[in-house]
N, C-alpha and C. Protein backbone atom coordinates (compact mmCIF):
# COMPACT_ATOMS: atom_id res chain seq x y z
N MET A 1 0.84 -1.16 0.00
CA MET A 1 0.00 0.00 0.00
C MET A 1 0.90 1.24 0.00
N LYS A 2 0.93 1.96 -1.10
CA LYS A 2 1.77 3.14 -1.22
C LYS A 2 0.92 4.40 -1.13
N VAL A 3 1.38 5.34 -0.30
CA VAL A 3 0.71 6.63 -0.15
C VAL A 3 1.76 7.70 0.13
N LEU A 4 1.38 8.94 -0.12
CA LEU A 4 2.20 10.07 0.28
C LEU A 4 1.90 10.30 1.75
N LEU A 5 2.87 10.12 2.62
CA LEU A 5 2.65 10.07 4.06
C LEU A 5 1.93 11.29 4.61
N PHE A 6 2.27 12.48 4.14
CA PHE A 6 1.69 13.69 4.71
C PHE A 6 0.43 14.15 3.95
N ASP A 7 -0.10 13.28 3.09
CA ASP A 7 -1.34 13.58 2.38
C ASP A 7 -2.25 12.36 2.34
N MET A 8 -2.15 11.52 3.37
CA MET A 8 -2.91 10.26 3.40
C MET A 8 -4.41 10.48 3.37
N GLU A 9 -4.89 11.52 4.02
CA GLU A 9 -6.33 11.74 4.09
C GLU A 9 -6.96 11.87 2.71
N ASN A 10 -6.20 12.31 1.71
CA ASN A 10 -6.72 12.46 0.35
C ASN A 10 -6.45 11.24 -0.52
N GLN A 11 -5.74 10.24 0.00
CA GLN A 11 -5.37 9.09 -0.81
C GLN A 11 -6.00 7.77 -0.35
N VAL A 12 -6.49 7.74 0.87
CA VAL A 12 -7.08 6.52 1.43
C VAL A 12 -8.58 6.72 1.48
N ASN A 13 -9.33 5.65 1.15
CA ASN A 13 -10.79 5.81 1.16
C ASN A 13 -11.27 6.14 2.57
N PRO A 14 -12.31 6.96 2.67
CA PRO A 14 -12.76 7.48 3.97
C PRO A 14 -13.13 6.41 4.99
N GLU A 15 -13.73 5.30 4.53
CA GLU A 15 -14.12 4.24 5.47
C GLU A 15 -12.89 3.61 6.13
N MET A 16 -11.89 3.30 5.31
CA MET A 16 -10.68 2.70 5.86
C MET A 16 -9.93 3.68 6.75
N LEU A 17 -9.94 4.95 6.37
CA LEU A 17 -9.29 5.97 7.18
C LEU A 17 -9.97 6.10 8.54
N GLU A 18 -11.29 6.06 8.54
CA GLU A 18 -12.03 6.14 9.81
C GLU A 18 -11.73 4.92 10.69
N GLU A 19 -11.68 3.73 10.09
CA GLU A 19 -11.34 2.52 10.85
C GLU A 19 -9.92 2.62 11.41
N ALA A 20 -9.00 3.19 10.62
CA ALA A 20 -7.62 3.35 11.07
C ALA A 20 -7.53 4.32 12.24
N PHE A 21 -8.28 5.43 12.17
CA PHE A 21 -8.30 6.37 13.29
C PHE A 21 -8.83 5.71 14.55
N ASP A 22 -9.85 4.86 14.39
CA ASP A 22 -10.39 4.12 15.54
C ASP A 22 -9.33 3.19 16.14
N ILE A 23 -8.56 2.54 15.28
CA ILE A 23 -7.49 1.66 15.77
C ILE A 23 -6.43 2.47 16.50
N VAL A 24 -6.05 3.62 15.95
CA VAL A 24 -5.05 4.47 16.60
C VAL A 24 -5.54 4.88 17.98
N LYS A 25 -6.81 5.24 18.10
CA LYS A 25 -7.37 5.62 19.40
C LYS A 25 -7.33 4.45 20.38
N ALA A 26 -7.56 3.24 19.86
CA ALA A 26 -7.59 2.05 20.71
C ALA A 26 -6.19 1.51 21.03
N THR A 27 -5.19 1.95 20.28
CA THR A 27 -3.83 1.45 20.46
C THR A 27 -3.23 2.05 21.73
N THR A 28 -2.95 1.19 22.68
CA THR A 28 -2.41 1.66 23.95
C THR A 28 -0.95 1.28 24.13
N GLU A 29 -0.52 0.20 23.51
CA GLU A 29 0.87 -0.24 23.62
C GLU A 29 1.43 -0.50 22.24
N TYR A 30 2.36 0.38 21.82
CA TYR A 30 2.98 0.19 20.51
C TYR A 30 4.40 0.73 20.55
N ASP A 31 5.16 0.34 19.55
CA ASP A 31 6.54 0.80 19.43
C ASP A 31 6.84 1.01 17.96
N ILE A 32 7.58 2.07 17.66
CA ILE A 32 8.03 2.31 16.29
C ILE A 32 9.54 2.22 16.29
N ASN A 33 10.06 1.27 15.54
CA ASN A 33 11.50 1.06 15.45
C ASN A 33 12.00 1.46 14.08
N ASN A 34 13.07 2.21 14.05
CA ASN A 34 13.74 2.58 12.80
C ASN A 34 14.86 1.58 12.60
N THR A 35 14.56 0.47 11.94
CA THR A 35 15.50 -0.64 11.84
C THR A 35 16.72 -0.31 11.00
N GLU A 36 16.53 0.49 9.96
CA GLU A 36 17.62 1.00 9.13
C GLU A 36 17.09 2.24 8.43
N PRO A 37 17.95 3.06 7.85
CA PRO A 37 17.46 4.30 7.24
C PRO A 37 16.34 4.04 6.23
N GLY A 38 15.21 4.70 6.47
CA GLY A 38 14.07 4.57 5.56
C GLY A 38 13.15 3.40 5.84
N TYR A 39 13.45 2.57 6.84
CA TYR A 39 12.61 1.40 7.15
C TYR A 39 12.17 1.44 8.61
N PHE A 40 10.88 1.25 8.82
CA PHE A 40 10.30 1.31 10.15
C PHE A 40 9.42 0.09 10.40
N HIS A 41 9.32 -0.30 11.66
CA HIS A 41 8.39 -1.32 12.09
C HIS A 41 7.48 -0.68 13.12
N CYS A 42 6.18 -0.77 12.88
CA CYS A 42 5.20 -0.31 13.86
C CYS A 42 4.57 -1.57 14.44
N ILE A 43 4.87 -1.83 15.70
CA ILE A 43 4.41 -3.05 16.35
C ILE A 43 3.50 -2.66 17.50
N SER A 44 2.26 -3.10 17.42
CA SER A 44 1.29 -2.83 18.48
C SER A 44 0.96 -4.14 19.17
N THR A 45 0.93 -4.10 20.49
CA THR A 45 0.56 -5.29 21.24
C THR A 45 -0.88 -5.20 21.75
N GLN A 46 -1.41 -3.98 21.82
CA GLN A 46 -2.79 -3.81 22.29
C GLN A 46 -3.46 -2.73 21.47
N PRO A 47 -4.24 -3.03 20.43
CA PRO A 47 -4.51 -4.33 19.80
C PRO A 47 -3.30 -4.81 19.01
N ALA A 48 -3.29 -6.08 18.68
CA ALA A 48 -2.11 -6.69 18.05
C ALA A 48 -2.11 -6.49 16.53
N TYR A 49 -1.05 -5.83 16.05
CA TYR A 49 -0.78 -5.75 14.61
C TYR A 49 0.67 -5.36 14.41
N HIS A 50 1.20 -5.68 13.24
CA HIS A 50 2.60 -5.41 12.92
C HIS A 50 2.65 -4.91 11.48
N VAL A 51 3.15 -3.68 11.31
CA VAL A 51 3.23 -3.06 9.99
C VAL A 51 4.68 -2.70 9.70
N GLU A 52 5.16 -3.10 8.54
CA GLU A 52 6.50 -2.72 8.08
C GLU A 52 6.33 -1.59 7.07
N ILE A 53 7.10 -0.53 7.25
CA ILE A 53 6.95 0.66 6.41
C ILE A 53 8.31 1.07 5.85
N SER A 54 8.34 1.26 4.54
CA SER A 54 9.54 1.85 3.93
C SER A 54 9.16 3.26 3.51
N LEU A 55 10.05 4.20 3.79
CA LEU A 55 9.79 5.61 3.54
C LEU A 55 10.85 6.15 2.59
N LYS A 56 10.40 6.65 1.46
CA LYS A 56 11.30 7.24 0.46
C LYS A 56 11.50 8.71 0.77
N GLU A 57 12.54 9.30 0.23
CA GLU A 57 12.86 10.70 0.49
C GLU A 57 11.74 11.64 0.04
N GLU A 58 10.98 11.27 -0.98
CA GLU A 58 9.92 12.13 -1.49
C GLU A 58 8.70 12.12 -0.58
N GLY A 59 8.74 11.33 0.50
CA GLY A 59 7.61 11.25 1.41
C GLY A 59 6.64 10.12 1.10
N VAL A 60 6.97 9.32 0.08
CA VAL A 60 6.12 8.18 -0.27
C VAL A 60 6.40 7.04 0.69
N ALA A 61 5.33 6.53 1.28
CA ALA A 61 5.47 5.43 2.23
C ALA A 61 4.81 4.18 1.66
N ASP A 62 5.46 3.05 1.85
CA ASP A 62 4.93 1.77 1.43
C ASP A 62 4.76 0.91 2.68
N ALA A 63 3.51 0.62 3.03
CA ALA A 63 3.21 -0.12 4.25
C ALA A 63 2.77 -1.54 3.92
N LYS A 64 3.27 -2.49 4.70
CA LYS A 64 2.90 -3.90 4.55
C LYS A 64 2.53 -4.45 5.92
N CYS A 65 1.33 -5.02 5.99
CA CYS A 65 0.84 -5.58 7.24
C CYS A 65 0.91 -7.10 7.17
N HIS A 66 0.88 -7.74 8.32
CA HIS A 66 0.96 -9.20 8.38
C HIS A 66 -0.41 -9.86 8.53
N CYS A 67 -1.50 -9.08 8.45
CA CYS A 67 -2.84 -9.66 8.63
C CYS A 67 -3.35 -10.30 7.34
N THR A 68 -4.38 -11.13 7.46
CA THR A 68 -4.92 -11.84 6.29
C THR A 68 -5.63 -10.88 5.33
N THR A 69 -6.26 -9.84 5.86
CA THR A 69 -6.92 -8.87 4.98
C THR A 69 -5.91 -8.22 4.04
N TYR A 70 -4.76 -7.83 4.59
CA TYR A 70 -3.73 -7.21 3.76
C TYR A 70 -3.21 -8.21 2.73
N LYS A 71 -3.01 -9.45 3.13
CA LYS A 71 -2.49 -10.46 2.21
C LYS A 71 -3.44 -10.70 1.04
N LYS A 72 -4.75 -10.52 1.26
CA LYS A 72 -5.74 -10.71 0.19
C LYS A 72 -5.87 -9.48 -0.70
N SER A 73 -5.93 -8.28 -0.10
CA SER A 73 -6.26 -7.09 -0.88
C SER A 73 -5.14 -6.06 -1.00
N ARG A 74 -4.03 -6.28 -0.30
CA ARG A 74 -2.89 -5.34 -0.28
C ARG A 74 -3.25 -4.00 0.35
N LYS A 75 -4.35 -3.99 1.14
CA LYS A 75 -4.78 -2.81 1.89
C LYS A 75 -5.40 -3.30 3.19
N CYS A 76 -5.22 -2.54 4.27
CA CYS A 76 -5.92 -2.86 5.51
C CYS A 76 -5.85 -1.67 6.46
N LYS A 77 -6.75 -1.70 7.44
CA LYS A 77 -6.81 -0.62 8.41
C LYS A 77 -5.57 -0.57 9.29
N HIS A 78 -4.92 -1.71 9.51
CA HIS A 78 -3.70 -1.74 10.32
C HIS A 78 -2.57 -0.97 9.63
N ALA A 79 -2.45 -1.18 8.32
CA ALA A 79 -1.39 -0.49 7.57
C ALA A 79 -1.60 1.02 7.64
N VAL A 80 -2.85 1.46 7.48
CA VAL A 80 -3.14 2.89 7.55
C VAL A 80 -2.88 3.41 8.97
N ALA A 81 -3.28 2.64 9.98
CA ALA A 81 -3.02 3.04 11.38
C ALA A 81 -1.52 3.15 11.64
N GLY A 82 -0.75 2.19 11.14
CA GLY A 82 0.71 2.25 11.29
C GLY A 82 1.29 3.48 10.63
N LEU A 83 0.77 3.85 9.46
CA LEU A 83 1.23 5.05 8.77
C LEU A 83 0.88 6.31 9.57
N LEU A 84 -0.31 6.33 10.14
CA LEU A 84 -0.71 7.48 10.97
C LEU A 84 0.20 7.62 12.19
N LEU A 85 0.48 6.49 12.83
CA LEU A 85 1.37 6.52 14.00
C LEU A 85 2.78 6.95 13.63
N LEU A 86 3.27 6.46 12.47
CA LEU A 86 4.61 6.85 12.01
C LEU A 86 4.65 8.35 11.70
N ARG A 87 3.62 8.84 11.02
CA ARG A 87 3.58 10.27 10.70
C ARG A 87 3.62 11.11 11.97
N ASP A 88 2.84 10.73 12.97
CA ASP A 88 2.84 11.44 14.25
C ASP A 88 4.21 11.36 14.91
N HIS A 89 4.82 10.19 14.87
CA HIS A 89 6.15 9.98 15.45
C HIS A 89 7.18 10.89 14.78
N LEU A 90 7.15 10.96 13.45
CA LEU A 90 8.11 11.80 12.71
C LEU A 90 7.89 13.28 12.99
N GLN A 91 6.65 13.70 13.10
CA GLN A 91 6.37 15.11 13.40
C GLN A 91 6.87 15.48 14.79
N ARG A 92 6.65 14.60 15.77
CA ARG A 92 7.14 14.87 17.13
C ARG A 92 8.66 14.90 17.16
N HIS A 93 9.30 14.01 16.40
CA HIS A 93 10.76 13.94 16.37
C HIS A 93 11.34 15.23 15.76
N ARG A 94 10.71 15.74 14.71
CA ARG A 94 11.18 16.99 14.09
C ARG A 94 11.08 18.15 15.06
N LYS A 95 9.96 18.23 15.77
CA LYS A 95 9.76 19.34 16.71
C LYS A 95 10.79 19.29 17.82
N SER A 96 11.07 18.11 18.36
CA SER A 96 12.04 18.01 19.45
C SER A 96 13.45 18.33 18.94
N ARG A 97 13.75 17.94 17.70
CA ARG A 97 15.07 18.24 17.14
C ARG A 97 15.23 19.73 16.92
N ARG A 98 14.17 20.40 16.44
CA ARG A 98 14.23 21.86 16.26
C ARG A 98 14.45 22.56 17.60
N LYS A 99 13.73 22.11 18.62
CA LYS A 99 13.86 22.71 19.94
C LYS A 99 15.28 22.54 20.46
N THR A 100 15.87 21.38 20.28
CA THR A 100 17.25 21.13 20.72
C THR A 100 18.21 22.06 19.98
N ASN A 101 18.03 22.21 18.67
CA ASN A 101 18.91 23.10 17.90
C ASN A 101 18.76 24.54 18.37
N ARG A 102 17.56 24.97 18.65
CA ARG A 102 17.33 26.35 19.11
C ARG A 102 18.00 26.57 20.46
N GLU A 103 17.86 25.61 21.36
CA GLU A 103 18.49 25.76 22.68
C GLU A 103 20.01 25.80 22.54
N THR A 104 20.55 25.03 21.66
CA THR A 104 21.99 25.01 21.46
C THR A 104 22.47 26.36 20.95
N LEU A 105 21.77 26.96 20.00
CA LEU A 105 22.14 28.27 19.47
C LEU A 105 22.08 29.32 20.57
N GLU A 106 21.02 29.28 21.38
CA GLU A 106 20.90 30.24 22.48
C GLU A 106 22.06 30.09 23.47
N GLU A 107 22.45 28.87 23.75
CA GLU A 107 23.57 28.64 24.67
C GLU A 107 24.87 29.20 24.09
N VAL A 108 25.09 28.99 22.81
CA VAL A 108 26.31 29.49 22.16
C VAL A 108 26.35 31.01 22.20
N ILE A 109 25.23 31.64 21.90
CA ILE A 109 25.18 33.11 21.90
C ILE A 109 25.44 33.66 23.31
N ARG A 110 24.87 33.01 24.31
CA ARG A 110 25.07 33.45 25.69
C ARG A 110 26.55 33.37 26.09
N LYS A 111 27.26 32.42 25.58
CA LYS A 111 28.66 32.21 25.96
C LYS A 111 29.62 33.15 25.22
N MET A 112 29.14 33.83 24.18
CA MET A 112 30.02 34.70 23.40
C MET A 112 30.29 36.01 24.15
N ASN A 113 31.52 36.52 23.95
CA ASN A 113 31.78 37.85 24.49
C ASN A 113 31.24 38.87 23.48
N ILE A 114 31.21 40.12 23.85
CA ILE A 114 30.57 41.15 23.04
C ILE A 114 31.22 41.30 21.66
N THR A 115 32.51 41.15 21.59
CA THR A 115 33.23 41.27 20.31
C THR A 115 32.83 40.14 19.37
N ASP A 116 32.81 38.93 19.88
CA ASP A 116 32.42 37.78 19.06
C ASP A 116 30.97 37.88 18.62
N LEU A 117 30.11 38.35 19.51
CA LEU A 117 28.69 38.49 19.19
C LEU A 117 28.48 39.51 18.07
N LYS A 118 29.20 40.65 18.13
CA LYS A 118 29.09 41.64 17.06
C LYS A 118 29.58 41.08 15.74
N ALA A 119 30.66 40.32 15.77
CA ALA A 119 31.17 39.70 14.55
C ALA A 119 30.19 38.67 14.00
N PHE A 120 29.54 37.93 14.89
CA PHE A 120 28.57 36.92 14.48
C PHE A 120 27.36 37.58 13.81
N ILE A 121 26.88 38.68 14.37
CA ILE A 121 25.72 39.38 13.82
C ILE A 121 26.05 40.03 12.50
N ALA A 122 27.26 40.60 12.39
CA ALA A 122 27.67 41.26 11.16
C ALA A 122 27.86 40.22 10.08
């Protein structure tokens, strides 16, 4: 199942998307592992499902689930739920990385003497 990760709402049929949102709400125990660059595993134990996701640089995600529905139709609510969880995970990771970079810059500026600060601004 291939979709543009940050535009899934326009690429997945509304019924499956609604079912996936319901699964995300019901998911209480899950883990997202970045096994190697561009490859993720979304493993949920409550409810149980396992989705493997490959993510291309263009934002295209290819999700594969281990359930029988996916094996028959190459689409399932678990795959969409895994994509939603991954998208949320990536957005949170970006925000925390930006915050860390901002704090680091502020620390560097605070440590500069006035001459260095003027040179930095110029």
